[in-house]
Protein backbone atom coordinates (compact mmCIF):
# COMPACT_ATOMS: atom_id res chain seq x y z
CA MET A 1 0.00 0.00 0.00
CA SER A 2 1.29 3.46 -0.81
CA ILE A 3 1.83 6.19 1.79
CA ALA A 4 -0.97 8.24 0.18
CA GLU A 5 -3.45 5.35 0.33
CA PHE A 6 -2.61 4.64 3.98
CA LYS A 7 -2.99 8.34 4.89
CA ASN A 8 -6.36 8.50 3.13
CA ARG A 9 -7.66 5.38 4.88
CA VAL A 10 -6.58 6.65 8.30
CA ALA A 11 -7.97 10.15 7.68
CA ALA A 12 -11.34 8.74 6.56
CA ALA A 13 -11.60 6.47 9.62
CA LEU A 14 -10.62 9.33 11.90
CA ALA A 15 -13.26 11.62 10.35
CA LYS A 16 -15.88 8.94 10.97
CA HIS A 17 -14.95 7.86 14.51
CA LEU A 18 -13.19 10.86 16.07
CA PRO A 19 -14.41 13.78 13.94
CA TYR A 20 -13.48 16.48 16.45
CA THR A 21 -9.78 15.59 16.19
CA THR A 22 -7.15 16.24 13.56
CA ILE A 23 -4.15 14.19 12.61
CA HIS A 24 -0.68 15.56 12.02
CA PHE A 25 1.32 13.40 9.61
CA GLU A 26 5.12 13.36 9.40
CA GLU A 27 6.44 11.71 6.27
CA ARG A 28 10.02 10.46 6.14
CA ARG A 29 11.97 9.66 3.01
CA GLY A 30 8.69 9.17 1.13
CA THR A 31 8.44 5.63 2.53
CA GLU A 32 7.45 6.05 6.19
CA ILE A 33 4.72 7.98 7.87
CA ARG A 34 3.90 8.80 11.47
CA GLY A 35 0.56 10.16 12.53
CA HIS A 36 -0.18 11.98 15.79
CA VAL A 37 -3.74 12.58 16.99
CA HIS A 38 -4.27 14.78 20.05
CA ILE A 39 -7.34 13.69 22.07
CA ASP A 40 -6.81 15.65 25.29
CA ASP A 41 -3.99 16.76 27.57
CA VAL A 42 -3.03 13.18 28.51
CA THR A 43 -4.43 11.12 25.62
CA ARG A 44 -3.16 10.71 22.08
CA ILE A 45 -3.06 8.21 19.24
CA GLU A 46 0.25 7.35 17.56
CA ILE A 47 0.23 5.68 14.13
CA TYR A 48 3.17 4.39 12.10
CA TYR A 49 3.40 2.84 8.62
CA SER A 50 6.33 1.84 6.39
CA ALA A 51 5.53 1.34 2.71
CA ILE A 52 8.75 -0.65 2.26
CA THR A 53 8.42 -3.18 5.08
CA GLY A 54 4.65 -2.99 5.70
CA LYS A 55 5.34 -2.44 9.40
CA THR A 56 2.26 -0.83 10.89
CA SER A 57 1.37 0.17 14.42
CA TYR A 58 -1.49 1.92 16.15
CA ALA A 59 -1.21 2.91 19.82
CA LEU A 60 -3.67 4.61 22.14
CA ILE A 61 -1.56 6.44 24.73
CA GLN A 62 -2.66 7.88 28.08
CA ALA A 63 -0.25 9.52 30.50
CA ASP A 64 2.62 8.37 28.24
CA LYS A 65 1.64 4.67 28.50
CA ARG A 66 0.11 2.51 25.80
CA ILE A 67 -3.35 1.46 26.94
CA PHE A 68 -4.40 -0.30 23.71
CA GLY A 69 -3.00 -0.98 20.28
CA TYR A 70 -2.28 -3.13 17.27
CA ASP A 71 0.96 -3.81 15.43
CA ASN A 72 2.58 -6.35 13.17
CA PHE A 73 6.00 -6.73 14.75
CA ARG A 74 6.70 -10.40 13.88
CA PHE A 75 2.94 -11.07 13.42
CA TRP A 76 -0.32 -9.13 13.66
CA HIS A 77 -1.41 -8.82 17.25
CA CYS A 78 -3.53 -6.69 19.54
CA HIS A 79 -2.50 -5.15 22.85
CA PRO A 80 -5.90 -5.34 24.60
CA ALA A 81 -7.11 -2.58 26.90
CA HIS A 82 -7.42 -4.93 29.88
CA ASN A 83 -3.71 -5.89 29.54
CA PRO A 84 -1.83 -3.74 27.01
CA ASP A 85 1.43 -5.64 27.53
CA GLU A 86 -0.22 -8.82 26.20
CA HIS A 87 0.10 -9.91 22.55
CA VAL A 88 -3.12 -11.47 21.19
CA MET A 89 -2.72 -12.81 17.66
CA CYS A 90 -5.23 -11.42 15.16
CA GLU A 91 -5.87 -10.72 11.50
CA GLU A 92 -4.70 -7.40 10.08
CA PRO A 93 -7.14 -4.74 11.29
CA THR A 94 -8.35 -1.91 9.10
CA PRO A 95 -7.83 1.68 10.27
CA GLU A 96 -11.63 1.82 10.51
CA ARG A 97 -11.70 -1.04 13.01
CA VAL A 98 -8.79 0.30 15.06
CA LEU A 99 -10.21 3.81 15.42
CA ARG A 100 -13.71 2.48 16.19
CA GLU A 101 -12.26 0.35 19.00
CA MET A 102 -10.21 3.26 20.32
CA ARG A 103 -13.31 5.47 20.37
CA GLN A 104 -15.17 2.76 22.34
CA ILE A 105 -12.31 2.36 24.83
CA LEU A 106 -12.31 6.09 25.40
CA GLY A 107 -16.08 5.98 26.01
CA LEU A 108 -16.76 8.45 23.20
CA GLU A 109 -19.82 6.68 21.78
């Protein structure tokens, strides 16, 4: 997937599930992208994607600690909200799914 396609998918999911937020993208070397979404003073979402390796990560951060996330380091897995240090194998999630789950965890229904 290209950087532009990934950015578009994330931006569309964010507009649907967390429409009051904005994402700030930092592109590196035209092959990597980092996204930062400010939720409140202690909560943010960090997103990473490499078009070369396919490495992808999504992390919901509160007070500088991951409280939920997905990534594909070695294999696709979830870091569930009840135990964010755990690795639960899963299929590759879409940005839509990830941001919907983050919205639910934050209680922003």
